[in-house]
């Protein structure tokens, strides 16, 4: 059954079964105090406003207060669907002070919805502190799931998704960023990162140097008008990044360490290095080719090339 509605309106006429479900949800749960309201952790669209769920709209309409990372941004979402719920700011700079205010609101019996600018609160965004304190105060917490940049990126990556590692935004400082990447050298699971435009090139350069020239998928402005999805080795993604393309929000999905996953042995790599050296290939070219094919780091292959070149006297 198609559900059609216009901007500025929320679909009305909730089925009785849906109403009963919501009532049951409000009446159950070990973390609910009868005198307290409920904290709803509500996912919002990551770009396209049509990706919001009906349950999220009804929740945002029904609560007494929406705690938003960016009030202006959330006011735009609410205005699009005709929501007039009261808004208040809740972000990383005021979360310690504001959590106390929101807990008092909940203890007074009012329901509160926590939202971020895009996606789920608490996932590389403020939220964990308030949720933790709500549990400590025996206040019921309810997730209202929806759009996710992590899951959307994985779904179109073509990489293994049985398990994965989400690392969010790596540290700003190069030294700390490189240390975090080095921890992932032997990780066989698919890796997912978020990155800002002004750090993208530096982050991908570090990734190539430390993890090798692996296959990856770069997703830019997901679900938006200028959405772009590009797949290839890290080197090809870097070459593609002209200044006019380094704009918007980026999700990066990177293949895990295939060499470790497949049990590739060092002797096979050494034999290939020796064959390429005999063909007069440069150490730099050998390292570039094998790091991409074997899933080993460029530096690791480069050092092995130098060792074998010295041993062979070529």
C-alpha atoms as a PDB file:
ATOM      1  CA  UNK A   1       0.000   0.000   0.000  1.00  0.00           C
ATOM      2  CA  UNK A   2       1.488   3.317  -1.045  1.00  0.00           C
ATOM      3  CA  UNK A   3       1.573   6.106   1.512  1.00  0.00           C
ATOM      4  CA  UNK A   4       1.419   9.503  -0.136  1.00  0.00           C
ATOM      5  CA  UNK A   5       1.600  12.797   1.720  1.00  0.00           C
ATOM      6  CA  UNK A   6       2.646  16.376   1.107  1.00  0.00           C
ATOM      7  CA  UNK A   7       5.253  18.495   2.826  1.00  0.00           C
ATOM      8  CA  UNK A   8       3.724  20.253   5.785  1.00  0.00           C
ATOM      9  CA  UNK A   9       1.501  17.348   6.796  1.00  0.00           C
ATOM     10  CA  UNK A  10       1.949  14.148   8.738  1.00  0.00           C
ATOM     11  CA  UNK A  11      -0.030  11.136   7.492  1.00  0.00           C
ATOM     12  CA  UNK A  12      -3.081  10.871   9.737  1.00  0.00           C
ATOM     13  CA  UNK A  13      -5.364   8.025  10.627  1.00  0.00           C
ATOM     14  CA  UNK A  14      -2.911   5.728  12.365  1.00  0.00           C
ATOM     15  CA  UNK A  15      -4.072   2.089  12.185  1.00  0.00           C
ATOM     16  CA  UNK A  16      -5.492   0.813  15.459  1.00  0.00           C
ATOM     17  CA  UNK A  17      -2.765  -1.837  15.572  1.00  0.00           C
ATOM     18  CA  UNK A  18      -0.098   0.871  15.406  1.00  0.00           C
ATOM     19  CA  UNK A  19      -1.834   2.820  18.174  1.00  0.00           C
ATOM     20  CA  UNK A  20      -2.011  -0.279  20.381  1.00  0.00           C
ATOM     21  CA  UNK A  21       1.678  -0.935  19.685  1.00  0.00           C
ATOM     22  CA  UNK A  22       2.658   2.573  20.789  1.00  0.00           C
ATOM     23  CA  UNK A  23       0.550   2.284  23.923  1.00  0.00           C
ATOM     24  CA  UNK A  24       2.163  -1.055  24.758  1.00  0.00           C
ATOM     25  CA  UNK A  25       5.626   0.415  24.206  1.00  0.00           C
ATOM     26  CA  UNK A  26       4.816   3.232  26.632  1.00  0.00           C
ATOM     27  CA  UNK A  27       3.553   0.837  29.269  1.00  0.00           C
ATOM     28  CA  UNK A  28       6.429  -1.638  29.321  1.00  0.00           C
ATOM     29  CA  UNK A  29      10.144  -1.619  30.065  1.00  0.00           C
ATOM     30  CA  UNK A  30      12.254  -2.113  33.146  1.00  0.00           C
ATOM     31  CA  UNK A  31      13.801   1.337  32.829  1.00  0.00           C
ATOM     32  CA  UNK A  32      10.600   3.332  33.217  1.00  0.00           C
ATOM     33  CA  UNK A  33       9.616   5.157  36.329  1.00  0.00           C
ATOM     34  CA  UNK A  34       5.868   5.851  36.495  1.00  0.00           C
ATOM     35  CA  UNK A  35       6.482   9.467  37.482  1.00  0.00           C
ATOM     36  CA  UNK A  36       8.929  10.056  34.606  1.00  0.00           C
ATOM     37  CA  UNK A  37       8.580  10.703  30.927  1.00  0.00           C
ATOM     38  CA  UNK A  38      10.369   8.694  28.221  1.00  0.00           C
ATOM     39  CA  UNK A  39      13.536   9.696  26.389  1.00  0.00           C
ATOM     40  CA  UNK A  40      13.150   8.872  22.682  1.00  0.00           C
ATOM     41  CA  UNK A  41      16.403   8.648  20.698  1.00  0.00           C
ATOM     42  CA  UNK A  42      15.141   9.520  17.215  1.00  0.00           C
ATOM     43  CA  UNK A  43      16.987   8.996  13.940  1.00  0.00           C
ATOM     44  CA  UNK A  44      16.467  11.704  11.335  1.00  0.00           C
ATOM     45  CA  UNK A  45      17.330  11.805   7.589  1.00  0.00           C
ATOM     46  CA  UNK A  46      20.986  11.966   6.551  1.00  0.00           C
ATOM     47  CA  UNK A  47      20.051  14.209   3.623  1.00  0.00           C
ATOM     48  CA  UNK A  48      16.799  13.421   1.860  1.00  0.00           C
ATOM     49  CA  UNK A  49      13.885  14.515   4.065  1.00  0.00           C
ATOM     50  CA  UNK A  50      11.699  11.731   2.664  1.00  0.00           C
ATOM     51  CA  UNK A  51      13.870   9.162   4.466  1.00  0.00           C
ATOM     52  CA  UNK A  52      12.293   9.952   7.831  1.00  0.00           C
ATOM     53  CA  UNK A  53      10.046   7.214   9.222  1.00  0.00           C
ATOM     54  CA  UNK A  54       6.371   7.605  10.080  1.00  0.00           C
ATOM     55  CA  UNK A  55       7.123   6.532  13.638  1.00  0.00           C
ATOM     56  CA  UNK A  56       9.765   9.263  13.953  1.00  0.00           C
ATOM     57  CA  UNK A  57       7.290  11.894  12.742  1.00  0.00           C
ATOM     58  CA  UNK A  58       4.624  10.798  15.190  1.00  0.00           C
ATOM     59  CA  UNK A  59       7.154  10.697  18.029  1.00  0.00           C
ATOM     60  CA  UNK A  60       8.423  14.202  17.273  1.00  0.00           C
ATOM     61  CA  UNK A  61       4.831  15.412  17.172  1.00  0.00           C
ATOM     62  CA  UNK A  62       3.827  13.757  20.460  1.00  0.00           C
ATOM     63  CA  UNK A  63       6.741  14.617  22.768  1.00  0.00           C
ATOM     64  CA  UNK A  64       6.777  17.757  24.924  1.00  0.00           C
ATOM     65  CA  UNK A  65      10.296  18.766  23.885  1.00  0.00           C
ATOM     66  CA  UNK A  66      12.861  18.026  21.143  1.00  0.00           C
ATOM     67  CA  UNK A  67      16.526  18.293  22.164  1.00  0.00           C
ATOM     68  CA  UNK A  68      18.343  19.102  18.917  1.00  0.00           C
ATOM     69  CA  UNK A  69      22.023  19.344  18.043  1.00  0.00           C
ATOM     70  CA  UNK A  70      21.229  22.306  15.794  1.00  0.00           C
ATOM     71  CA  UNK A  71      17.885  23.988  16.463  1.00  0.00           C
ATOM     72  CA  UNK A  72      17.806  25.841  13.129  1.00  0.00           C
ATOM     73  CA  UNK A  73      18.432  22.626  11.208  1.00  0.00           C
ATOM     74  CA  UNK A  74      15.776  20.658  13.122  1.00  0.00           C
ATOM     75  CA  UNK A  75      13.320  23.540  12.868  1.00  0.00           C
ATOM     76  CA  UNK A  76      13.610  23.165   9.084  1.00  0.00           C
ATOM     77  CA  UNK A  77      12.768  19.462   9.326  1.00  0.00           C
ATOM     78  CA  UNK A  78       9.842  20.159  11.664  1.00  0.00           C
ATOM     79  CA  UNK A  79       8.584  22.964   9.438  1.00  0.00           C
ATOM     80  CA  UNK A  80       8.677  20.668   6.404  1.00  0.00           C
ATOM     81  CA  UNK A  81       6.237  18.304   8.152  1.00  0.00           C
ATOM     82  CA  UNK A  82       4.195  20.895  10.045  1.00  0.00           C
ATOM     83  CA  UNK A  83       5.517  20.000  13.495  1.00  0.00           C
ATOM     84  CA  UNK A  84       5.256  22.688  16.158  1.00  0.00           C
ATOM     85  CA  UNK A  85       6.938  20.886  19.074  1.00  0.00           C
ATOM     86  CA  UNK A  86       9.123  23.005  21.363  1.00  0.00           C
ATOM     87  CA  UNK A  87      12.879  22.832  20.587  1.00  0.00           C
ATOM     88  CA  UNK A  88      15.978  23.244  22.732  1.00  0.00           C
ATOM     89  CA  UNK A  89      19.706  23.027  21.988  1.00  0.00           C
ATOM     90  CA  UNK A  90      21.708  19.944  22.957  1.00  0.00           C
ATOM     91  CA  UNK A  91      25.206  19.700  21.485  1.00  0.00           C
ATOM     92  CA  UNK A  92      28.767  18.727  22.410  1.00  0.00           C
ATOM     93  CA  UNK A  93      29.556  22.103  23.971  1.00  0.00           C
ATOM     94  CA  UNK A  94      26.581  22.270  26.336  1.00  0.00           C
ATOM     95  CA  UNK A  95      25.735  18.587  26.862  1.00  0.00           C
ATOM     96  CA  UNK A  96      26.994  18.352  30.459  1.00  0.00           C
ATOM     97  CA  UNK A  97      24.934  21.318  31.636  1.00  0.00           C
ATOM     98  CA  UNK A  98      21.970  20.606  29.370  1.00  0.00           C
ATOM     99  CA  UNK A  99      21.684  16.932  30.367  1.00  0.00           C
ATOM    100  CA  UNK A 100      20.645  18.026  33.860  1.00  0.00           C
ATOM    101  CA  UNK A 101      17.901  20.262  32.460  1.00  0.00           C
ATOM    102  CA  UNK A 102      16.563  17.505  30.213  1.00  0.00           C
ATOM    103  CA  UNK A 103      16.574  14.990  33.064  1.00  0.00           C
ATOM    104  CA  UNK A 104      14.500  17.412  35.140  1.00  0.00           C
ATOM    105  CA  UNK A 105      12.072  17.704  32.222  1.00  0.00           C
ATOM    106  CA  UNK A 106      11.797  13.922  32.036  1.00  0.00           C
ATOM    107  CA  UNK A 107      11.352  13.582  35.814  1.00  0.00           C
ATOM    108  CA  UNK A 108       8.476  16.046  35.657  1.00  0.00           C
ATOM    109  CA  UNK A 109       6.636  13.498  33.490  1.00  0.00           C
ATOM    110  CA  UNK A 110       7.293  14.995  30.048  1.00  0.00           C
ATOM    111  CA  UNK A 111       8.524  12.911  27.099  1.00  0.00           C
ATOM    112  CA  UNK A 112      11.663  14.210  25.336  1.00  0.00           C
ATOM    113  CA  UNK A 113      13.006  13.371  21.867  1.00  0.00           C
ATOM    114  CA  UNK A 114      16.754  13.545  21.255  1.00  0.00           C
ATOM    115  CA  UNK A 115      17.808  14.238  17.642  1.00  0.00           C
ATOM    116  CA  UNK A 116      21.004  15.086  15.820  1.00  0.00           C
ATOM    117  CA  UNK A 117      21.525  16.934  12.542  1.00  0.00           C
ATOM    118  CA  UNK A 118      21.549  13.680  10.581  1.00  0.00           C
ATOM    119  CA  UNK A 119      21.238  10.007  11.445  1.00  0.00           C
ATOM    120  CA  UNK A 120      21.179   8.576  14.965  1.00  0.00           C
ATOM    121  CA  UNK A 121      22.116  10.531  18.107  1.00  0.00           C
ATOM    122  CA  UNK A 122      25.120   9.119  19.917  1.00  0.00           C
ATOM    123  CA  UNK A 123      26.764   7.781  16.731  1.00  0.00           C
ATOM    124  CA  UNK A 124      29.677  10.207  16.181  1.00  0.00           C
ATOM    125  CA  UNK A 125      27.293  12.843  17.588  1.00  0.00           C
ATOM    126  CA  UNK A 126      26.139  13.963  21.071  1.00  0.00           C
ATOM    127  CA  UNK A 127      23.773  11.646  22.916  1.00  0.00           C
ATOM    128  CA  UNK A 128      25.665   9.001  24.884  1.00  0.00           C
ATOM    129  CA  UNK A 129      26.016  11.187  27.993  1.00  0.00           C
ATOM    130  CA  UNK A 130      22.286  11.941  28.252  1.00  0.00           C
ATOM    131  CA  UNK A 131      21.268   8.337  27.536  1.00  0.00           C
ATOM    132  CA  UNK A 132      23.681   7.029  30.165  1.00  0.00           C
ATOM    133  CA  UNK A 133      22.402   9.443  32.796  1.00  0.00           C
ATOM    134  CA  UNK A 134      18.793   8.601  31.930  1.00  0.00           C
ATOM    135  CA  UNK A 135      19.463   4.916  32.598  1.00  0.00           C
ATOM    136  CA  UNK A 136      21.186   5.834  35.870  1.00  0.00           C
ATOM    137  CA  UNK A 137      18.032   7.732  36.891  1.00  0.00           C
ATOM    138  CA  UNK A 138      15.774   4.785  35.946  1.00  0.00           C
ATOM    139  CA  UNK A 139      14.223   6.776  33.086  1.00  0.00           C
ATOM    140  CA  UNK A 140      13.017   4.744  30.146  1.00  0.00           C
ATOM    141  CA  UNK A 141      14.989   5.136  26.895  1.00  0.00           C
ATOM    142  CA  UNK A 142      13.466   4.125  23.550  1.00  0.00           C
ATOM    143  CA  UNK A 143      15.270   4.027  20.165  1.00  0.00           C
ATOM    144  CA  UNK A 144      13.371   5.201  17.085  1.00  0.00           C
ATOM    145  CA  UNK A 145      15.582   3.867  14.264  1.00  0.00           C
ATOM    146  CA  UNK A 146      15.933   5.282  10.783  1.00  0.00           C
ATOM    147  CA  UNK A 147      18.483   6.367   8.173  1.00  0.00           C
ATOM    148  CA  UNK A 148      22.133   5.476   8.824  1.00  0.00           C
ATOM    149  CA  UNK A 149      25.138   6.619   6.780  1.00  0.00           C
ATOM    150  CA  UNK A 150      27.127   3.641   8.094  1.00  0.00           C
ATOM    151  CA  UNK A 151      24.613   0.991   7.008  1.00  0.00           C
ATOM    152  CA  UNK A 152      23.774   2.765   3.748  1.00  0.00           C
ATOM    153  CA  UNK A 153      27.470   2.970   2.866  1.00  0.00           C
ATOM    154  CA  UNK A 154      28.089  -0.697   3.671  1.00  0.00           C
ATOM    155  CA  UNK A 155      25.056  -1.781   1.637  1.00  0.00           C
ATOM    156  CA  UNK A 156      26.484  -0.365  -1.611  1.00  0.00           C
ATOM    157  CA  UNK A 157      30.162  -1.143  -0.958  1.00  0.00           C
ATOM    158  CA  UNK A 158      30.271  -4.688  -2.278  1.00  0.00           C
ATOM    159  CA  UNK A 159      32.541  -5.656   0.633  1.00  0.00           C
ATOM    160  CA  UNK A 160      31.960  -8.250   3.322  1.00  0.00           C
ATOM    161  CA  UNK A 161      29.369  -7.045   5.831  1.00  0.00           C
ATOM    162  CA  UNK A 162      29.095 -10.084   8.115  1.00  0.00           C
ATOM    163  CA  UNK A 163      31.072  -7.960  10.558  1.00  0.00           C
ATOM    164  CA  UNK A 164      32.646  -4.530  10.327  1.00  0.00           C
ATOM    165  CA  UNK A 165      34.472  -1.883  12.361  1.00  0.00           C
ATOM    166  CA  UNK A 166      33.046   1.642  12.588  1.00  0.00           C
ATOM    167  CA  UNK A 167      35.720   4.200  13.483  1.00  0.00           C
ATOM    168  CA  UNK A 168      33.792   7.435  12.921  1.00  0.00           C
ATOM    169  CA  UNK A 169      35.978  10.538  12.610  1.00  0.00           C
ATOM    170  CA  UNK A 170      39.682   9.898  13.201  1.00  0.00           C
ATOM    171  CA  UNK A 171      41.659  12.449  15.281  1.00  0.00           C
ATOM    172  CA  UNK A 172      42.468  15.820  13.679  1.00  0.00           C
ATOM    173  CA  UNK A 173      46.165  15.702  14.513  1.00  0.00           C
ATOM    174  CA  UNK A 174      48.255  13.700  12.005  1.00  0.00           C
ATOM    175  CA  UNK A 175      50.233  11.838  14.663  1.00  0.00           C
ATOM    176  CA  UNK A 176      47.146  10.595  16.493  1.00  0.00           C
ATOM    177  CA  UNK A 177      45.392   9.773  13.221  1.00  0.00           C
ATOM    178  CA  UNK A 178      48.312   7.644  12.049  1.00  0.00           C
ATOM    179  CA  UNK A 179      48.447   5.794  15.371  1.00  0.00           C
ATOM    180  CA  UNK A 180      44.758   4.895  15.057  1.00  0.00           C
ATOM    181  CA  UNK A 181      45.258   3.655  11.490  1.00  0.00           C
ATOM    182  CA  UNK A 182      48.237   1.520  12.517  1.00  0.00           C
ATOM    183  CA  UNK A 183      45.970  -0.325  14.951  1.00  0.00           C
ATOM    184  CA  UNK A 184      43.908  -1.413  11.919  1.00  0.00           C
ATOM    185  CA  UNK A 185      46.738  -2.871   9.803  1.00  0.00           C
ATOM    186  CA  UNK A 186      45.875  -6.495  10.586  1.00  0.00           C
ATOM    187  CA  UNK A 187      42.096  -5.963  10.851  1.00  0.00           C
ATOM    188  CA  UNK A 188      40.301  -8.288   8.414  1.00  0.00           C
ATOM    189  CA  UNK A 189      36.843  -6.777   8.869  1.00  0.00           C
ATOM    190  CA  UNK A 190      35.513  -4.007   6.631  1.00  0.00           C
ATOM    191  CA  UNK A 191      36.304  -0.526   7.999  1.00  0.00           C
ATOM    192  CA  UNK A 192      33.930   2.459   7.974  1.00  0.00           C
ATOM    193  CA  UNK A 193      35.024   6.062   8.553  1.00  0.00           C
ATOM    194  CA  UNK A 194      33.445   9.520   8.476  1.00  0.00           C
ATOM    195  CA  UNK A 195      35.574  12.422   7.276  1.00  0.00           C
ATOM    196  CA  UNK A 196      35.318  16.181   6.817  1.00  0.00           C
ATOM    197  CA  UNK A 197      36.230  17.808   3.467  1.00  0.00           C
ATOM    198  CA  UNK A 198      39.215  19.783   4.773  1.00  0.00           C
ATOM    199  CA  UNK A 199      40.880  16.616   6.152  1.00  0.00           C
ATOM    200  CA  UNK A 200      39.897  14.131   3.445  1.00  0.00           C
ATOM    201  CA  UNK A 201      43.069  14.166   1.331  1.00  0.00           C
ATOM    202  CA  UNK A 202      45.396  13.962   4.330  1.00  0.00           C
ATOM    203  CA  UNK A 203      43.381  11.115   5.845  1.00  0.00           C
ATOM    204  CA  UNK A 204      43.327   9.096   2.594  1.00  0.00           C
ATOM    205  CA  UNK A 205      47.057   9.668   2.078  1.00  0.00           C
ATOM    206  CA  UNK A 206      47.759   8.343   5.579  1.00  0.00           C
ATOM    207  CA  UNK A 207      45.395   5.431   4.956  1.00  0.00           C
ATOM    208  CA  UNK A 208      47.222   4.463   1.743  1.00  0.00           C
ATOM    209  CA  UNK A 209      50.655   4.743   3.378  1.00  0.00           C
ATOM    210  CA  UNK A 210      49.698   2.733   6.458  1.00  0.00           C
ATOM    211  CA  UNK A 211      47.031   0.236   5.330  1.00  0.00           C
ATOM    212  CA  UNK A 212      48.159  -0.103   1.730  1.00  0.00           C
ATOM    213  CA  UNK A 213      46.458   0.690  -1.572  1.00  0.00           C
ATOM    214  CA  UNK A 214      43.285  -1.197  -0.675  1.00  0.00           C
ATOM    215  CA  UNK A 215      39.943  -1.206  -2.417  1.00  0.00           C
ATOM    216  CA  UNK A 216      37.501   1.298  -0.928  1.00  0.00           C
ATOM    217  CA  UNK A 217      34.238   3.118  -1.583  1.00  0.00           C
ATOM    218  CA  UNK A 218      33.905   6.867  -1.128  1.00  0.00           C
ATOM    219  CA  UNK A 219      30.367   8.189  -0.630  1.00  0.00           C
ATOM    220  CA  UNK A 220      29.807  11.930  -0.838  1.00  0.00           C
ATOM    221  CA  UNK A 221      26.583  13.795   0.002  1.00  0.00           C
ATOM    222  CA  UNK A 222      24.664  10.536   0.436  1.00  0.00           C
ATOM    223  CA  UNK A 223      20.919  10.762  -0.436  1.00  0.00           C
ATOM    224  CA  UNK A 224      21.327  14.409  -1.494  1.00  0.00           C
ATOM    225  CA  UNK A 225      21.108  16.066  -4.931  1.00  0.00           C
ATOM    226  CA  UNK A 226      24.864  15.836  -5.605  1.00  0.00           C
ATOM    227  CA  UNK A 227      25.327  12.319  -4.242  1.00  0.00           C
ATOM    228  CA  UNK A 228      28.454  10.585  -5.532  1.00  0.00           C
ATOM    229  CA  UNK A 229      29.612   7.008  -4.988  1.00  0.00           C
ATOM    230  CA  UNK A 230      33.027   5.964  -6.253  1.00  0.00           C
ATOM    231  CA  UNK A 231      34.802   2.604  -5.823  1.00  0.00           C
ATOM    232  CA  UNK A 232      38.438   1.731  -6.460  1.00  0.00           C
ATOM    233  CA  UNK A 233      41.895   1.589  -4.862  1.00  0.00           C
ATOM    234  CA  UNK A 234      42.787   4.428  -2.506  1.00  0.00           C
ATOM    235  CA  UNK A 235      45.213   5.863  -5.087  1.00  0.00           C
ATOM    236  CA  UNK A 236      42.440   6.194  -7.694  1.00  0.00           C
ATOM    237  CA  UNK A 237      40.130   7.890  -5.196  1.00  0.00           C
ATOM    238  CA  UNK A 238      42.887  10.378  -4.342  1.00  0.00           C
ATOM    239  CA  UNK A 239      43.475  11.168  -8.030  1.00  0.00           C
ATOM    240  CA  UNK A 240      39.756  11.796  -8.458  1.00  0.00           C
ATOM    241  CA  UNK A 241      39.639  14.369  -5.647  1.00  0.00           C
ATOM    242  CA  UNK A 242      39.879  17.656  -7.510  1.00  0.00           C
ATOM    243  CA  UNK A 243      39.058  20.771  -5.428  1.00  0.00           C
ATOM    244  CA  UNK A 244      35.505  21.007  -6.807  1.00  0.00           C
ATOM    245  CA  UNK A 245      34.799  17.464  -5.579  1.00  0.00           C
ATOM    246  CA  UNK A 246      36.029  17.920  -2.005  1.00  0.00           C
ATOM    247  CA  UNK A 247      32.762  19.283  -0.693  1.00  0.00           C
ATOM    248  CA  UNK A 248      30.014  17.955   1.530  1.00  0.00           C
ATOM    249  CA  UNK A 249      30.023  15.035   3.942  1.00  0.00           C
ATOM    250  CA  UNK A 250      32.020  11.862   3.297  1.00  0.00           C
ATOM    251  CA  UNK A 251      31.557   8.240   4.345  1.00  0.00           C
ATOM    252  CA  UNK A 252      34.489   5.953   3.566  1.00  0.00           C
ATOM    253  CA  UNK A 253      34.172   2.155   3.423  1.00  0.00           C
ATOM    254  CA  UNK A 254      37.532   0.342   3.233  1.00  0.00           C
ATOM    255  CA  UNK A 255      38.216  -3.354   2.611  1.00  0.00           C
ATOM    256  CA  UNK A 256      39.772  -5.297   5.470  1.00  0.00           C
ATOM    257  CA  UNK A 257      43.226  -6.901   5.332  1.00  0.00           C
ATOM    258  CA  UNK A 258      42.685  -9.480   2.595  1.00  0.00           C
ATOM    259  CA  UNK A 259      46.224 -10.852   2.851  1.00  0.00           C
ATOM    260  CA  UNK A 260      45.744 -11.845   6.488  1.00  0.00           C
ATOM    261  CA  UNK A 261      42.191 -13.019   5.801  1.00  0.00           C
ATOM    262  CA  UNK A 262      43.359 -15.326   2.997  1.00  0.00           C
ATOM    263  CA  UNK A 263      46.479 -16.453   4.833  1.00  0.00           C
ATOM    264  CA  UNK A 264      48.844 -15.151   2.139  1.00  0.00           C
ATOM    265  CA  UNK A 265      52.385 -16.298   2.939  1.00  0.00           C
ATOM    266  CA  UNK A 266      55.431 -14.102   2.894  1.00  0.00           C
ATOM    267  CA  UNK A 267      57.466 -16.473   0.731  1.00  0.00           C
ATOM    268  CA  UNK A 268      55.015 -16.023  -2.143  1.00  0.00           C
ATOM    269  CA  UNK A 269      55.318 -12.240  -1.864  1.00  0.00           C
ATOM    270  CA  UNK A 270      59.120 -12.497  -1.802  1.00  0.00           C
ATOM    271  CA  UNK A 271      59.098 -14.661  -4.964  1.00  0.00           C
ATOM    272  CA  UNK A 272      56.975 -12.081  -6.772  1.00  0.00           C
ATOM    273  CA  UNK A 273      59.317  -9.291  -5.675  1.00  0.00           C
ATOM    274  CA  UNK A 274      62.304 -11.215  -7.041  1.00  0.00           C
ATOM    275  CA  UNK A 275      60.541 -11.847 -10.363  1.00  0.00           C
ATOM    276  CA  UNK A 276      59.692  -8.162 -10.744  1.00  0.00           C
ATOM    277  CA  UNK A 277      63.218  -7.060  -9.828  1.00  0.00           C
ATOM    278  CA  UNK A 278      64.612  -9.369 -12.516  1.00  0.00           C
ATOM    279  CA  UNK A 279      62.212  -7.686 -14.967  1.00  0.00           C
ATOM    280  CA  UNK A 280      63.945  -4.375 -14.084  1.00  0.00           C
ATOM    281  CA  UNK A 281      60.885  -2.883 -12.364  1.00  0.00           C
ATOM    282  CA  UNK A 282      61.645  -0.104  -9.897  1.00  0.00           C
ATOM    283  CA  UNK A 283      61.249  -0.675  -6.152  1.00  0.00           C
ATOM    284  CA  UNK A 284      58.614   2.049  -6.061  1.00  0.00           C
ATOM    285  CA  UNK A 285      56.560   0.434  -8.846  1.00  0.00           C
ATOM    286  CA  UNK A 286      56.787  -3.026  -7.254  1.00  0.00           C
ATOM    287  CA  UNK A 287      55.629  -1.676  -3.905  1.00  0.00           C
ATOM    288  CA  UNK A 288      52.720   0.117  -5.577  1.00  0.00           C
ATOM    289  CA  UNK A 289      51.552  -2.972  -7.459  1.00  0.00           C
ATOM    290  CA  UNK A 290      51.948  -5.542  -4.673  1.00  0.00           C
ATOM    291  CA  UNK A 291      50.525  -3.384  -1.876  1.00  0.00           C
ATOM    292  CA  UNK A 292      47.292  -3.136  -3.869  1.00  0.00           C
ATOM    293  CA  UNK A 293      47.178  -6.804  -4.888  1.00  0.00           C
ATOM    294  CA  UNK A 294      48.252  -8.381  -1.604  1.00  0.00           C
ATOM    295  CA  UNK A 295      46.590  -5.973   0.843  1.00  0.00           C
ATOM    296  CA  UNK A 296      49.923  -5.233   2.533  1.00  0.00           C
ATOM    297  CA  UNK A 297      51.177  -1.742   3.279  1.00  0.00           C
ATOM    298  CA  UNK A 298      53.262   0.123   0.725  1.00  0.00           C
ATOM    299  CA  UNK A 299      56.070   0.600   3.263  1.00  0.00           C
ATOM    300  CA  UNK A 300      56.123  -3.105   4.155  1.00  0.00           C
ATOM    301  CA  UNK A 301      56.533  -4.124   0.493  1.00  0.00           C
ATOM    302  CA  UNK A 302      59.032  -1.326  -0.138  1.00  0.00           C
ATOM    303  CA  UNK A 303      61.309  -2.514   2.694  1.00  0.00           C
ATOM    304  CA  UNK A 304      61.109  -6.101   1.459  1.00  0.00           C
ATOM    305  CA  UNK A 305      62.037  -4.925  -2.052  1.00  0.00           C
ATOM    306  CA  UNK A 306      65.131  -3.158  -0.720  1.00  0.00           C
ATOM    307  CA  UNK A 307      66.135  -6.248   1.260  1.00  0.00           C
ATOM    308  CA  UNK A 308      65.751  -8.561  -1.746  1.00  0.00           C
ATOM    309  CA  UNK A 309      67.470  -6.111  -4.098  1.00  0.00           C
ATOM    310  CA  UNK A 310      70.469  -6.014  -1.789  1.00  0.00           C
ATOM    311  CA  UNK A 311      70.492  -9.802  -1.386  1.00  0.00           C
ATOM    312  CA  UNK A 312      70.270 -10.398  -5.144  1.00  0.00           C
ATOM    313  CA  UNK A 313      72.786  -7.681  -5.978  1.00  0.00           C
ATOM    314  CA  UNK A 314      70.574  -6.183  -8.678  1.00  0.00           C
END
